[in-house]
Every structure is written in C-alpha cells, then in structure tokens.
Amino acid sequence: MNRLQVNHCRIQFIRSAPQGVSLIEMLVMISLISVIFTVGVTMLAFLMRVELQGTDRIHKSFNIQRLSKQFRQDIASARRASLISEKKQQRQKLKLDMGVDRFIIYSAGENSYGNFISREQIISDKLISRNEYPISEGQLHFRIENINQRQIASLQLKMTTDNSHENETVKTPYSTLQFDAVINRKYSYVINKEQ
C-alpha cells in the first residue's frame, strides 16, 4: 500500500508540475509567425496594386468613352471642320465651326499629371469653357476625309504598349483607337427635308 501511495503521489506530482516551452519551440513559433506575417503583407500589397491598376483602367476607359461621345456630338453639330498645325510644338488641332461665331477646338496637351485632350469652346474670341480628358496614349492624330460627298472627321489615338504586367487579360487588346463622325450631319438632315 505504501508503494501504491508513492506511485500515486509521483503521478500527481508529474501532472501538477507546470509544463514549460523550450527556447527552441519558442524560436520555431516566432519564425513561423514571421513567415505567415510576411506572406500576408506581400499578398496585401499585391492585391492593393492590382486594385489600383484596375481602378486606373476603369477611369481611363471612362474618360475615353466621355471623349468619344462628346467628339461625335460636336462633329455632327459642326458646320465645317478644319485642321490647324502648330509647327513649333509639332501638334495638330481640330477646329470646328459651330456657326454664329462659335468654335470648338480639340487639341492635345501635357501637364504634370500626364497627357490629355482638351476641348475648348470659344464664342466671339472668348474662351467659354475648357474640358480636359486625361489619357495615357502616346500619339493623337486628327483627320478630315471626303467619302461619298460627305466629310468625315476622325480622331485617332495610338496606344502605348504596356508590358508591365505578365497577365494577358490586363494588357490593352488594341494598339489604335479611332472615333469618326460625319461633319454637319444634323444640319444636312434638315436641308434634305426642306428640299
């Protein structure tokens, strides 16, 4: 019986003794936590970069849609269109005669934020409004053509190739973007109805 009490006391002593963590176990746990933290921070940075790139692409496509719609409306409402070349800056402008001493001028510009296309509305040689459409395209080209007794004005944007991302779905699927519209379309319908 005495022996049983001794064994029982030993078992209780072993059970009640505090279990400690060795230094090696603690170092392994700290290194595992640091690896998990590093992977988490890296993933968070990657996801934030992808989200910023996506937001930037949506913003650029929204600006191009706004520019396309406004350009086509202005061309359809214009009575005449002409190209103006600036030799000093080697840039081209498109001047639209809207009638009654009112003009709209499209041109390319550059500032600290990047490239943009500006739309200026001028009445009696006074600047009334100016809109800027930020774009990241490399070149801008205006053209006026005569096709089937109609004048067609076009704006052509040459896209810069973006090879910064390895994912093919993020890359731009086209290299040139072109907007066309028939000059004086609204007024030509009115003239045709009267004749």
N, C-alpha and C. Protein backbone atom coordinates (compact mmCIF):
# COMPACT_ATOMS: atom_id res chain seq x y z
N MET A 1 0.81 -1.18 0.00
CA MET A 1 0.00 0.00 0.00
C MET A 1 0.85 1.25 0.00
N ASN A 2 1.89 1.15 0.70
CA ASN A 2 2.81 2.28 0.77
C ASN A 2 3.41 2.57 -0.62
N ARG A 3 3.71 1.51 -1.29
CA ARG A 3 4.27 1.67 -2.62
C ARG A 3 3.26 2.31 -3.56
N LEU A 4 2.01 1.92 -3.44
CA LEU A 4 0.96 2.49 -4.27
C LEU A 4 0.79 3.98 -3.99
N GLN A 5 0.87 4.36 -2.79
CA GLN A 5 0.75 5.79 -2.45
C GLN A 5 1.90 6.58 -3.04
N VAL A 6 3.10 6.00 -3.00
CA VAL A 6 4.27 6.68 -3.56
C VAL A 6 4.09 6.87 -5.07
N ASN A 7 3.67 5.81 -5.78
CA ASN A 7 3.45 5.92 -7.24
C ASN A 7 2.33 6.92 -7.54
N HIS A 8 1.30 6.88 -6.75
CA HIS A 8 0.20 7.80 -6.95
C HIS A 8 0.66 9.24 -6.74
N CYS A 9 1.46 9.46 -5.73
CA CYS A 9 2.00 10.81 -5.48
C CYS A 9 2.90 11.26 -6.62
N ARG A 10 3.70 10.33 -7.15
CA ARG A 10 4.57 10.70 -8.27
C ARG A 10 3.73 11.11 -9.50
N ILE A 11 2.71 10.34 -9.79
CA ILE A 11 1.86 10.66 -10.94
C ILE A 11 1.19 12.02 -10.74
N GLN A 12 0.72 12.29 -9.54
CA GLN A 12 0.10 13.59 -9.28
C GLN A 12 1.12 14.71 -9.39
N PHE A 13 2.33 14.48 -8.92
CA PHE A 13 3.37 15.48 -8.98
C PHE A 13 3.73 15.79 -10.43
N ILE A 14 3.81 14.73 -11.24
CA ILE A 14 4.15 14.93 -12.66
C ILE A 14 3.01 15.68 -13.35
N ARG A 15 1.79 15.34 -13.05
CA ARG A 15 0.65 16.02 -13.68
C ARG A 15 0.54 17.47 -13.24
N SER A 16 0.80 17.74 -11.97
CA SER A 16 0.63 19.09 -11.47
C SER A 16 1.84 19.99 -11.75
N ALA A 17 2.97 19.43 -12.17
CA ALA A 17 4.14 20.25 -12.47
C ALA A 17 3.85 21.07 -13.73
N PRO A 18 4.18 22.35 -13.73
CA PRO A 18 3.91 23.18 -14.90
C PRO A 18 4.73 22.72 -16.10
N GLN A 19 4.04 22.64 -17.25
CA GLN A 19 4.71 22.25 -18.49
C GLN A 19 5.26 23.53 -19.13
N GLY A 20 6.52 23.66 -19.37
CA GLY A 20 7.14 24.83 -19.96
C GLY A 20 7.40 24.63 -21.44
N VAL A 21 7.73 25.74 -22.10
CA VAL A 21 8.06 25.71 -23.52
C VAL A 21 9.55 25.93 -23.62
N SER A 22 10.17 25.12 -24.40
CA SER A 22 11.62 25.26 -24.53
C SER A 22 11.94 26.43 -25.46
N LEU A 23 13.16 26.88 -25.40
CA LEU A 23 13.62 28.00 -26.22
C LEU A 23 13.53 27.68 -27.71
N ILE A 24 13.83 26.46 -28.07
CA ILE A 24 13.78 26.05 -29.48
C ILE A 24 12.34 26.08 -29.99
N GLU A 25 11.40 25.59 -29.19
CA GLU A 25 9.99 25.64 -29.59
C GLU A 25 9.52 27.07 -29.78
N MET A 26 9.96 27.97 -28.88
CA MET A 26 9.57 29.37 -28.98
C MET A 26 10.16 30.02 -30.25
N LEU A 27 11.41 29.71 -30.57
CA LEU A 27 12.04 30.25 -31.79
C LEU A 27 11.34 29.74 -33.05
N VAL A 28 10.94 28.47 -33.05
CA VAL A 28 10.21 27.91 -34.19
C VAL A 28 8.88 28.62 -34.36
N MET A 29 8.17 28.85 -33.26
CA MET A 29 6.88 29.55 -33.33
C MET A 29 7.06 30.98 -33.83
N ILE A 30 8.06 31.69 -33.34
CA ILE A 30 8.31 33.07 -33.79
C ILE A 30 8.65 33.10 -35.27
N SER A 31 9.48 32.17 -35.73
CA SER A 31 9.82 32.16 -37.16
C SER A 31 8.60 31.82 -38.02
N LEU A 32 7.74 30.90 -37.57
CA LEU A 32 6.51 30.59 -38.32
C LEU A 32 5.58 31.80 -38.38
N ILE A 33 5.44 32.49 -37.28
CA ILE A 33 4.57 33.69 -37.27
C ILE A 33 5.14 34.77 -38.19
N SER A 34 6.46 34.94 -38.20
CA SER A 34 7.05 35.97 -39.08
C SER A 34 6.89 35.60 -40.55
N VAL A 35 6.99 34.31 -40.89
CA VAL A 35 6.78 33.88 -42.27
C VAL A 35 5.34 34.13 -42.69
N ILE A 36 4.40 33.78 -41.83
CA ILE A 36 2.97 34.00 -42.13
C ILE A 36 2.70 35.49 -42.28
N PHE A 37 3.26 36.32 -41.42
CA PHE A 37 3.07 37.77 -41.48
C PHE A 37 3.66 38.33 -42.78
N THR A 38 4.86 37.86 -43.17
CA THR A 38 5.50 38.34 -44.41
C THR A 38 4.66 37.97 -45.63
N VAL A 39 4.16 36.74 -45.67
CA VAL A 39 3.32 36.31 -46.79
C VAL A 39 2.03 37.14 -46.83
N GLY A 40 1.45 37.38 -45.67
CA GLY A 40 0.22 38.18 -45.62
C GLY A 40 0.42 39.60 -46.10
N VAL A 41 1.52 40.24 -45.67
CA VAL A 41 1.79 41.61 -46.09
C VAL A 41 2.08 41.67 -47.58
N THR A 42 2.82 40.69 -48.10
CA THR A 42 3.11 40.64 -49.53
C THR A 42 1.83 40.47 -50.35
N MET A 43 0.95 39.60 -49.91
CA MET A 43 -0.32 39.40 -50.61
C MET A 43 -1.18 40.66 -50.55
N LEU A 44 -1.20 41.33 -49.43
CA LEU A 44 -1.97 42.56 -49.29
C LEU A 44 -1.44 43.63 -50.22
N ALA A 45 -0.10 43.78 -50.30
CA ALA A 45 0.49 44.76 -51.21
C ALA A 45 0.18 44.43 -52.66
N PHE A 46 0.24 43.15 -53.02
CA PHE A 46 -0.09 42.73 -54.38
C PHE A 46 -1.54 43.03 -54.73
N LEU A 47 -2.45 42.71 -53.82
CA LEU A 47 -3.88 42.95 -54.06
C LEU A 47 -4.18 44.44 -54.16
N MET A 48 -3.50 45.26 -53.36
CA MET A 48 -3.71 46.71 -53.44
C MET A 48 -3.21 47.25 -54.77
N ARG A 49 -2.07 46.73 -55.25
CA ARG A 49 -1.54 47.18 -56.54
C ARG A 49 -2.47 46.80 -57.68
N VAL A 50 -2.99 45.57 -57.65
CA VAL A 50 -3.92 45.11 -58.69
C VAL A 50 -5.20 45.95 -58.65
N GLU A 51 -5.68 46.27 -57.45
CA GLU A 51 -6.89 47.08 -57.32
C GLU A 51 -6.66 48.50 -57.86
N LEU A 52 -5.49 49.08 -57.61
CA LEU A 52 -5.18 50.41 -58.14
C LEU A 52 -5.08 50.39 -59.66
N GLN A 53 -4.47 49.35 -60.21
CA GLN A 53 -4.37 49.23 -61.66
C GLN A 53 -5.76 49.08 -62.28
N GLY A 54 -6.62 48.30 -61.65
CA GLY A 54 -7.98 48.13 -62.15
C GLY A 54 -8.77 49.43 -62.11
N THR A 55 -8.63 50.16 -61.01
CA THR A 55 -9.31 51.46 -60.89
C THR A 55 -8.80 52.43 -61.94
N ASP A 56 -7.49 52.42 -62.18
CA ASP A 56 -6.90 53.30 -63.18
C ASP A 56 -7.41 52.95 -64.58
N ARG A 57 -7.51 51.66 -64.87
CA ARG A 57 -8.04 51.24 -66.19
C ARG A 57 -9.50 51.65 -66.36
N ILE A 58 -10.30 51.50 -65.32
CA ILE A 58 -11.71 51.90 -65.40
C ILE A 58 -11.82 53.40 -65.62
N HIS A 59 -10.99 54.16 -64.91
CA HIS A 59 -11.00 55.63 -65.05
C HIS A 59 -10.60 56.03 -66.47
N LYS A 60 -9.56 55.39 -67.03
CA LYS A 60 -9.12 55.71 -68.40
C LYS A 60 -10.20 55.36 -69.41
N SER A 61 -10.83 54.18 -69.25
CA SER A 61 -11.86 53.81 -70.22
C SER A 61 -13.08 54.72 -70.11
N PHE A 62 -13.40 55.19 -68.90
CA PHE A 62 -14.50 56.14 -68.73
C PHE A 62 -14.17 57.46 -69.43
N ASN A 63 -12.93 57.94 -69.31
CA ASN A 63 -12.53 59.18 -69.99
C ASN A 63 -12.60 59.03 -71.50
N ILE A 64 -12.19 57.87 -72.02
CA ILE A 64 -12.24 57.64 -73.46
C ILE A 64 -13.69 57.58 -73.94
N GLN A 65 -14.57 56.98 -73.16
CA GLN A 65 -16.00 56.95 -73.53
C GLN A 65 -16.59 58.35 -73.55
N ARG A 66 -16.27 59.15 -72.53
CA ARG A 66 -16.77 60.53 -72.49
C ARG A 66 -16.25 61.32 -73.69
N LEU A 67 -14.95 61.17 -74.00
CA LEU A 67 -14.35 61.87 -75.13
C LEU A 67 -15.01 61.44 -76.43
N SER A 68 -15.22 60.14 -76.61
CA SER A 68 -15.83 59.62 -77.84
C SER A 68 -17.23 60.20 -78.05
N LYS A 69 -18.04 60.19 -77.00
CA LYS A 69 -19.40 60.70 -77.11
C LYS A 69 -19.41 62.20 -77.42
N GLN A 70 -18.60 62.97 -76.71
CA GLN A 70 -18.56 64.42 -76.92
C GLN A 70 -18.02 64.76 -78.30
N PHE A 71 -16.97 64.06 -78.73
CA PHE A 71 -16.37 64.31 -80.04
C PHE A 71 -17.38 64.06 -81.15
N ARG A 72 -18.09 62.95 -81.08
CA ARG A 72 -19.07 62.63 -82.13
C ARG A 72 -20.23 63.62 -82.15
N GLN A 73 -20.68 64.05 -80.98
CA GLN A 73 -21.75 65.06 -80.93
C GLN A 73 -21.29 66.38 -81.54
N ASP A 74 -20.07 66.80 -81.21
CA ASP A 74 -19.56 68.07 -81.74
C ASP A 74 -19.38 68.01 -83.25
N ILE A 75 -18.85 66.90 -83.76
CA ILE A 75 -18.64 66.77 -85.21
C ILE A 75 -19.98 66.78 -85.93
N ALA A 76 -20.96 66.07 -85.40
CA ALA A 76 -22.28 66.02 -86.05
C ALA A 76 -22.95 67.38 -86.04
N SER A 77 -22.68 68.22 -85.04
CA SER A 77 -23.30 69.54 -84.95
C SER A 77 -22.52 70.62 -85.69
N ALA A 78 -21.28 70.35 -86.03
CA ALA A 78 -20.43 71.38 -86.67
C ALA A 78 -20.85 71.61 -88.11
N ARG A 79 -20.71 72.86 -88.53
CA ARG A 79 -21.00 73.20 -89.93
C ARG A 79 -19.79 72.93 -90.82
N ARG A 80 -18.60 73.21 -90.30
CA ARG A 80 -17.35 72.97 -91.02
C ARG A 80 -16.28 72.55 -90.02
N ALA A 81 -15.26 71.89 -90.54
CA ALA A 81 -14.12 71.50 -89.71
C ALA A 81 -12.84 71.78 -90.47
N SER A 82 -11.80 72.15 -89.73
CA SER A 82 -10.50 72.41 -90.36
C SER A 82 -9.39 71.98 -89.40
N LEU A 83 -8.25 71.65 -89.99
CA LEU A 83 -7.09 71.25 -89.21
C LEU A 83 -6.13 72.42 -89.08
N ILE A 84 -5.59 72.60 -87.90
CA ILE A 84 -4.61 73.65 -87.63
C ILE A 84 -3.33 72.96 -87.18
N SER A 85 -2.22 73.26 -87.86
CA SER A 85 -0.94 72.66 -87.48
C SER A 85 -0.07 73.70 -86.80
N GLU A 86 0.51 73.32 -85.68
CA GLU A 86 1.45 74.18 -84.97
C GLU A 86 2.84 73.63 -85.21
N LYS A 87 3.67 74.38 -85.93
CA LYS A 87 4.99 73.88 -86.28
C LYS A 87 5.94 73.89 -85.09
N LYS A 88 5.78 74.84 -84.18
CA LYS A 88 6.70 74.93 -83.03
C LYS A 88 6.55 73.71 -82.13
N GLN A 89 5.32 73.36 -81.81
CA GLN A 89 5.08 72.24 -80.90
C GLN A 89 4.86 70.93 -81.63
N GLN A 90 4.80 70.96 -82.96
CA GLN A 90 4.54 69.79 -83.79
C GLN A 90 3.26 69.08 -83.35
N ARG A 91 2.24 69.88 -83.11
CA ARG A 91 0.95 69.32 -82.71
C ARG A 91 -0.12 69.79 -83.67
N GLN A 92 -1.21 69.05 -83.67
CA GLN A 92 -2.32 69.31 -84.55
C GLN A 92 -3.55 69.66 -83.73
N LYS A 93 -4.36 70.57 -84.26
CA LYS A 93 -5.62 70.93 -83.62
C LYS A 93 -6.74 70.75 -84.62
N LEU A 94 -7.92 70.44 -84.10
CA LEU A 94 -9.11 70.34 -84.94
C LEU A 94 -10.04 71.47 -84.54
N LYS A 95 -10.36 72.34 -85.51
CA LYS A 95 -11.23 73.49 -85.25
C LYS A 95 -12.58 73.24 -85.91
N LEU A 96 -13.63 73.31 -85.09
CA LEU A 96 -14.99 73.08 -85.57
C LEU A 96 -15.75 74.39 -85.56
N ASP A 97 -16.31 74.75 -86.71
CA ASP A 97 -17.14 75.95 -86.82
C ASP A 97 -18.58 75.54 -86.53
N MET A 98 -19.10 76.02 -85.40
CA MET A 98 -20.44 75.65 -84.98
C MET A 98 -21.48 76.66 -85.46
N GLY A 99 -21.04 77.74 -86.10
CA GLY A 99 -21.95 78.78 -86.58
C GLY A 99 -22.11 79.89 -85.57
N VAL A 100 -22.54 81.05 -86.01
CA VAL A 100 -22.80 82.22 -85.18
C VAL A 100 -21.57 82.55 -84.32
N ASP A 101 -20.40 82.60 -84.96
CA ASP A 101 -19.14 82.98 -84.31
C ASP A 101 -18.83 82.12 -83.08
N ARG A 102 -19.15 80.84 -83.20
CA ARG A 102 -18.89 79.89 -82.12
C ARG A 102 -18.02 78.76 -82.65
N PHE A 103 -16.93 78.45 -81.92
CA PHE A 103 -15.99 77.43 -82.36
C PHE A 103 -15.68 76.47 -81.22
N ILE A 104 -15.33 75.26 -81.59
CA ILE A 104 -14.83 74.27 -80.64
C ILE A 104 -13.50 73.78 -81.17
N ILE A 105 -12.49 73.78 -80.30
CA ILE A 105 -11.14 73.37 -80.70
C ILE A 105 -10.70 72.18 -79.86
N TYR A 106 -10.31 71.12 -80.54
CA TYR A 106 -9.74 69.94 -79.88
C TYR A 106 -8.23 69.96 -80.08
N SER A 107 -7.49 69.70 -79.02
CA SER A 107 -6.03 69.64 -79.11
C SER A 107 -5.48 68.72 -78.03
N ALA A 108 -4.22 68.36 -78.19
CA ALA A 108 -3.55 67.51 -77.20
C ALA A 108 -2.67 68.39 -76.32
N GLY A 109 -2.51 67.99 -75.08
CA GLY A 109 -1.67 68.73 -74.15
C GLY A 109 -0.99 67.79 -73.18
N GLU A 110 -0.12 68.39 -72.37
CA GLU A 110 0.63 67.60 -71.39
C GLU A 110 0.88 68.47 -70.17
N ASN A 111 0.69 67.90 -69.00
CA ASN A 111 0.99 68.62 -67.76
C ASN A 111 1.67 67.65 -66.78
N SER A 112 1.78 68.05 -65.54
CA SER A 112 2.49 67.22 -64.56
C SER A 112 1.76 65.91 -64.28
N TYR A 113 0.46 65.84 -64.56
CA TYR A 113 -0.31 64.62 -64.32
C TYR A 113 -0.25 63.65 -65.50
N GLY A 114 0.18 64.13 -66.68
CA GLY A 114 0.26 63.27 -67.86
C GLY A 114 -0.36 63.92 -69.08
N ASN A 115 -0.67 63.10 -70.08
CA ASN A 115 -1.26 63.59 -71.33
C ASN A 115 -2.76 63.79 -71.18
N PHE A 116 -3.28 64.72 -71.99
CA PHE A 116 -4.72 64.92 -72.00
C PHE A 116 -5.13 65.48 -73.35
N ILE A 117 -6.43 65.37 -73.66
CA ILE A 117 -7.02 66.00 -74.83
C ILE A 117 -7.94 67.08 -74.30
N SER A 118 -7.76 68.29 -74.82
CA SER A 118 -8.59 69.40 -74.33
C SER A 118 -9.65 69.76 -75.37
N ARG A 119 -10.78 70.19 -74.87
CA ARG A 119 -11.89 70.67 -75.71
C ARG A 119 -12.21 72.08 -75.24
N GLU A 120 -12.00 73.06 -76.10
CA GLU A 120 -12.24 74.46 -75.76
C GLU A 120 -13.41 74.99 -76.57
N GLN A 121 -14.33 75.62 -75.88
CA GLN A 121 -15.47 76.24 -76.56
C GLN A 121 -15.24 77.76 -76.57
N ILE A 122 -15.25 78.35 -77.77
CA ILE A 122 -14.94 79.76 -77.94
C ILE A 122 -16.12 80.44 -78.61
N ILE A 123 -16.58 81.54 -78.01
CA ILE A 123 -17.65 82.36 -78.60
C ILE A 123 -17.11 83.78 -78.69
N SER A 124 -17.14 84.34 -79.90
CA SER A 124 -16.65 85.71 -80.15
C SER A 124 -15.25 85.92 -79.59
N ASP A 125 -14.35 85.00 -79.90
CA ASP A 125 -12.94 85.04 -79.48
C ASP A 125 -12.74 85.04 -77.98
N LYS A 126 -13.72 84.58 -77.22
CA LYS A 126 -13.59 84.45 -75.76
C LYS A 126 -13.75 82.99 -75.39
N LEU A 127 -12.87 82.53 -74.52
CA LEU A 127 -12.93 81.15 -74.05
C LEU A 127 -14.08 81.02 -73.06
N ILE A 128 -15.05 80.20 -73.40
CA ILE A 128 -16.23 80.00 -72.55
C ILE A 128 -16.04 78.82 -71.62
N SER A 129 -15.57 77.69 -72.16
CA SER A 129 -15.36 76.51 -71.33
C SER A 129 -14.19 75.70 -71.86
N ARG A 130 -13.61 74.94 -70.95
CA ARG A 130 -12.48 74.08 -71.31
C ARG A 130 -12.62 72.77 -70.54
N ASN A 131 -12.65 71.67 -71.27
CA ASN A 131 -12.71 70.34 -70.68
C ASN A 131 -11.43 69.59 -71.02
N GLU A 132 -10.93 68.85 -70.05
CA GLU A 132 -9.74 68.03 -70.28
C GLU A 132 -10.09 66.57 -70.05
N TYR A 133 -9.64 65.73 -70.96
CA TYR A 133 -9.85 64.29 -70.88
C TYR A 133 -8.49 63.63 -70.70
N PRO A 134 -8.14 63.24 -69.48
CA PRO A 134 -6.83 62.61 -69.25
C PRO A 134 -6.74 61.27 -69.96
N ILE A 135 -5.64 61.07 -70.66
CA ILE A 135 -5.39 59.81 -71.37
C ILE A 135 -3.93 59.45 -71.20
N SER A 136 -3.60 58.21 -71.48
CA SER A 136 -2.21 57.79 -71.38
C SER A 136 -1.66 57.40 -72.75
N GLU A 137 -2.34 57.77 -73.79
CA GLU A 137 -1.95 57.37 -75.12
C GLU A 137 -0.75 58.19 -75.58
N GLY A 138 0.02 57.59 -76.46
CA GLY A 138 1.24 58.24 -76.93
C GLY A 138 1.01 59.30 -77.98
N GLN A 139 0.22 59.03 -79.00
CA GLN A 139 0.07 59.97 -80.11
C GLN A 139 -1.40 60.23 -80.41
N LEU A 140 -1.66 61.45 -80.87
CA LEU A 140 -3.01 61.87 -81.22
C LEU A 140 -2.95 62.42 -82.64
N HIS A 141 -3.90 62.03 -83.47
CA HIS A 141 -3.90 62.46 -84.86
C HIS A 141 -5.34 62.75 -85.29
N PHE A 142 -5.55 63.94 -85.87
CA PHE A 142 -6.86 64.31 -86.42
C PHE A 142 -6.80 64.16 -87.93
N ARG A 143 -7.95 63.82 -88.53
CA ARG A 143 -8.01 63.67 -89.98
C ARG A 143 -9.40 64.06 -90.47
N ILE A 144 -9.45 64.70 -91.65
CA ILE A 144 -10.72 65.03 -92.31
C ILE A 144 -10.68 64.41 -93.70
N GLU A 145 -11.69 63.59 -94.03
CA GLU A 145 -11.74 62.91 -95.32
C GLU A 145 -13.07 63.18 -96.01
N ASN A 146 -13.06 63.16 -97.34
CA ASN A 146 -14.28 63.25 -98.13
C ASN A 146 -14.62 61.86 -98.66
N ILE A 147 -15.73 61.32 -98.20
CA ILE A 147 -16.17 59.99 -98.63
C ILE A 147 -17.65 60.09 -99.02
N ASN A 148 -17.95 59.72 -100.28
CA ASN A 148 -19.33 59.74 -100.79
C ASN A 148 -20.00 61.09 -100.55
N GLN A 149 -19.34 62.15 -100.93
CA GLN A 149 -19.85 63.53 -100.83
C GLN A 149 -20.16 63.94 -99.39
N ARG A 150 -19.51 63.32 -98.45
CA ARG A 150 -19.65 63.70 -97.04
C ARG A 150 -18.27 63.86 -96.45
N GLN A 151 -18.15 64.81 -95.55
CA GLN A 151 -16.89 64.99 -94.85
C GLN A 151 -16.95 64.21 -93.55
N ILE A 152 -15.91 63.45 -93.31
CA ILE A 152 -15.82 62.66 -92.08
C ILE A 152 -14.58 63.11 -91.32
N ALA A 153 -14.78 63.47 -90.07
CA ALA A 153 -13.67 63.85 -89.21
C ALA A 153 -13.38 62.69 -88.27
N SER A 154 -12.11 62.45 -88.03
CA SER A 154 -11.75 61.35 -87.14
C SER A 154 -10.64 61.77 -86.19
N LEU A 155 -10.67 61.16 -85.04
CA LEU A 155 -9.65 61.34 -84.02
C LEU A 155 -9.04 59.98 -83.79
N GLN A 156 -7.72 59.88 -83.93
CA GLN A 156 -7.05 58.60 -83.80
C GLN A 156 -6.06 58.66 -82.64
N LEU A 157 -6.17 57.70 -81.73
CA LEU A 157 -5.27 57.59 -80.59
C LEU A 157 -4.42 56.35 -80.76
N LYS A 158 -3.11 56.52 -80.73
CA LYS A 158 -2.21 55.37 -80.78
C LYS A 158 -1.83 55.04 -79.35
N MET A 159 -2.18 53.83 -78.94
CA MET A 159 -1.94 53.39 -77.57
C MET A 159 -0.48 53.03 -77.37
N THR A 160 0.03 53.34 -76.20
CA THR A 160 1.36 52.89 -75.83
C THR A 160 1.22 51.48 -75.29
N THR A 161 2.15 50.62 -75.67
CA THR A 161 2.07 49.23 -75.20
C THR A 161 2.53 49.16 -73.75
N ASP A 162 1.76 48.46 -72.96
CA ASP A 162 2.05 48.31 -71.54
C ASP A 162 2.48 46.88 -71.27
N ASN A 163 3.77 46.68 -71.07
CA ASN A 163 4.30 45.35 -70.80
C ASN A 163 4.67 45.17 -69.34
N SER A 164 4.10 46.03 -68.48
CA SER A 164 4.46 45.97 -67.06
C SER A 164 3.79 44.81 -66.33
N HIS A 165 2.77 44.22 -66.92
CA HIS A 165 2.05 43.15 -66.24
C HIS A 165 2.14 41.87 -67.05
N GLU A 166 2.38 40.76 -66.38
CA GLU A 166 2.53 39.48 -67.06
C GLU A 166 1.19 38.86 -67.44
N ASN A 167 0.11 39.33 -66.87
CA ASN A 167 -1.22 38.78 -67.15
C ASN A 167 -1.73 39.35 -68.47
N GLU A 168 -2.08 38.49 -69.41
CA GLU A 168 -2.53 38.92 -70.73
C GLU A 168 -3.87 39.64 -70.69
N THR A 169 -4.71 39.33 -69.71
CA THR A 169 -6.04 39.95 -69.66
C THR A 169 -5.97 41.41 -69.24
N VAL A 170 -4.89 41.82 -68.59
CA VAL A 170 -4.76 43.20 -68.15
C VAL A 170 -4.21 44.08 -69.26
N LYS A 171 -3.51 43.49 -70.23
CA LYS A 171 -2.91 44.27 -71.31
C LYS A 171 -3.99 44.80 -72.26
N THR A 172 -3.68 45.92 -72.92
CA THR A 172 -4.61 46.53 -73.86
C THR A 172 -4.74 45.66 -75.10
N PRO A 173 -5.96 45.30 -75.50
CA PRO A 173 -6.13 44.38 -76.63
C PRO A 173 -5.96 45.04 -78.00
N TYR A 174 -5.81 46.35 -78.07
CA TYR A 174 -5.69 47.03 -79.35
C TYR A 174 -4.58 48.07 -79.25
N SER A 175 -4.05 48.46 -80.41
CA SER A 175 -2.97 49.44 -80.40
C SER A 175 -3.42 50.81 -80.90
N THR A 176 -4.54 50.87 -81.63
CA THR A 176 -5.05 52.14 -82.16
C THR A 176 -6.55 52.22 -81.89
N LEU A 177 -6.98 53.41 -81.49
CA LEU A 177 -8.40 53.66 -81.22
C LEU A 177 -8.81 54.85 -82.07
N GLN A 178 -9.92 54.73 -82.81
CA GLN A 178 -10.33 55.80 -83.72
C GLN A 178 -11.81 56.10 -83.55
N PHE A 179 -12.12 57.41 -83.48
CA PHE A 179 -13.50 57.88 -83.43
C PHE A 179 -13.77 58.63 -84.72
N ASP A 180 -14.88 58.33 -85.40
CA ASP A 180 -15.27 59.05 -86.62
C ASP A 180 -16.68 59.56 -86.47
N ALA A 181 -16.96 60.62 -87.21
CA ALA A 181 -18.33 61.14 -87.29
C ALA A 181 -18.44 61.98 -88.56
N VAL A 182 -19.65 62.05 -89.09
CA VAL A 182 -19.91 62.83 -90.30
C VAL A 182 -20.12 64.28 -89.88
N ILE A 183 -19.38 65.18 -90.55
CA ILE A 183 -19.49 66.60 -90.25
C ILE A 183 -20.82 67.13 -90.77
N ASN A 184 -21.47 67.97 -89.97
CA ASN A 184 -22.70 68.64 -90.36
C ASN A 184 -23.84 67.64 -90.59
N ARG A 185 -23.88 66.58 -89.82
CA ARG A 185 -24.90 65.56 -90.01
C ARG A 185 -26.28 66.07 -89.61
N LYS A 186 -26.38 66.78 -88.50
CA LYS A 186 -27.69 67.27 -88.05
C LYS A 186 -28.28 68.25 -89.04
N TYR A 187 -27.44 69.19 -89.50
CA TYR A 187 -27.94 70.21 -90.42
C TYR A 187 -28.21 69.63 -91.80
N SER A 188 -27.48 68.61 -92.22
CA SER A 188 -27.73 68.02 -93.54
C SER A 188 -29.09 67.33 -93.57
N TYR A 189 -29.53 66.76 -92.46
CA TYR A 189 -30.87 66.17 -92.42
C TYR A 189 -31.94 67.25 -92.57
N VAL A 190 -31.73 68.39 -91.95
CA VAL A 190 -32.69 69.49 -92.06
C VAL A 190 -32.75 69.99 -93.50
N ILE A 191 -31.60 70.13 -94.14
CA ILE A 191 -31.56 70.60 -95.54
C ILE A 191 -32.24 69.60 -96.45
N ASN A 192 -32.03 68.32 -96.24
CA ASN A 192 -32.67 67.30 -97.08
C ASN A 192 -34.18 67.31 -96.91
N LYS A 193 -34.68 67.55 -95.75
CA LYS A 193 -36.13 67.61 -95.54
C LYS A 193 -36.74 68.81 -96.24
N GLU A 194 -36.02 69.93 -96.23
CA GLU A 194 -36.57 71.15 -96.86
C GLU A 194 -36.59 71.01 -98.36
N GLN A 195 -35.65 70.28 -98.95
CA GLN A 195 -35.58 70.15 -100.42
C GLN A 195 -36.50 69.05 -100.83
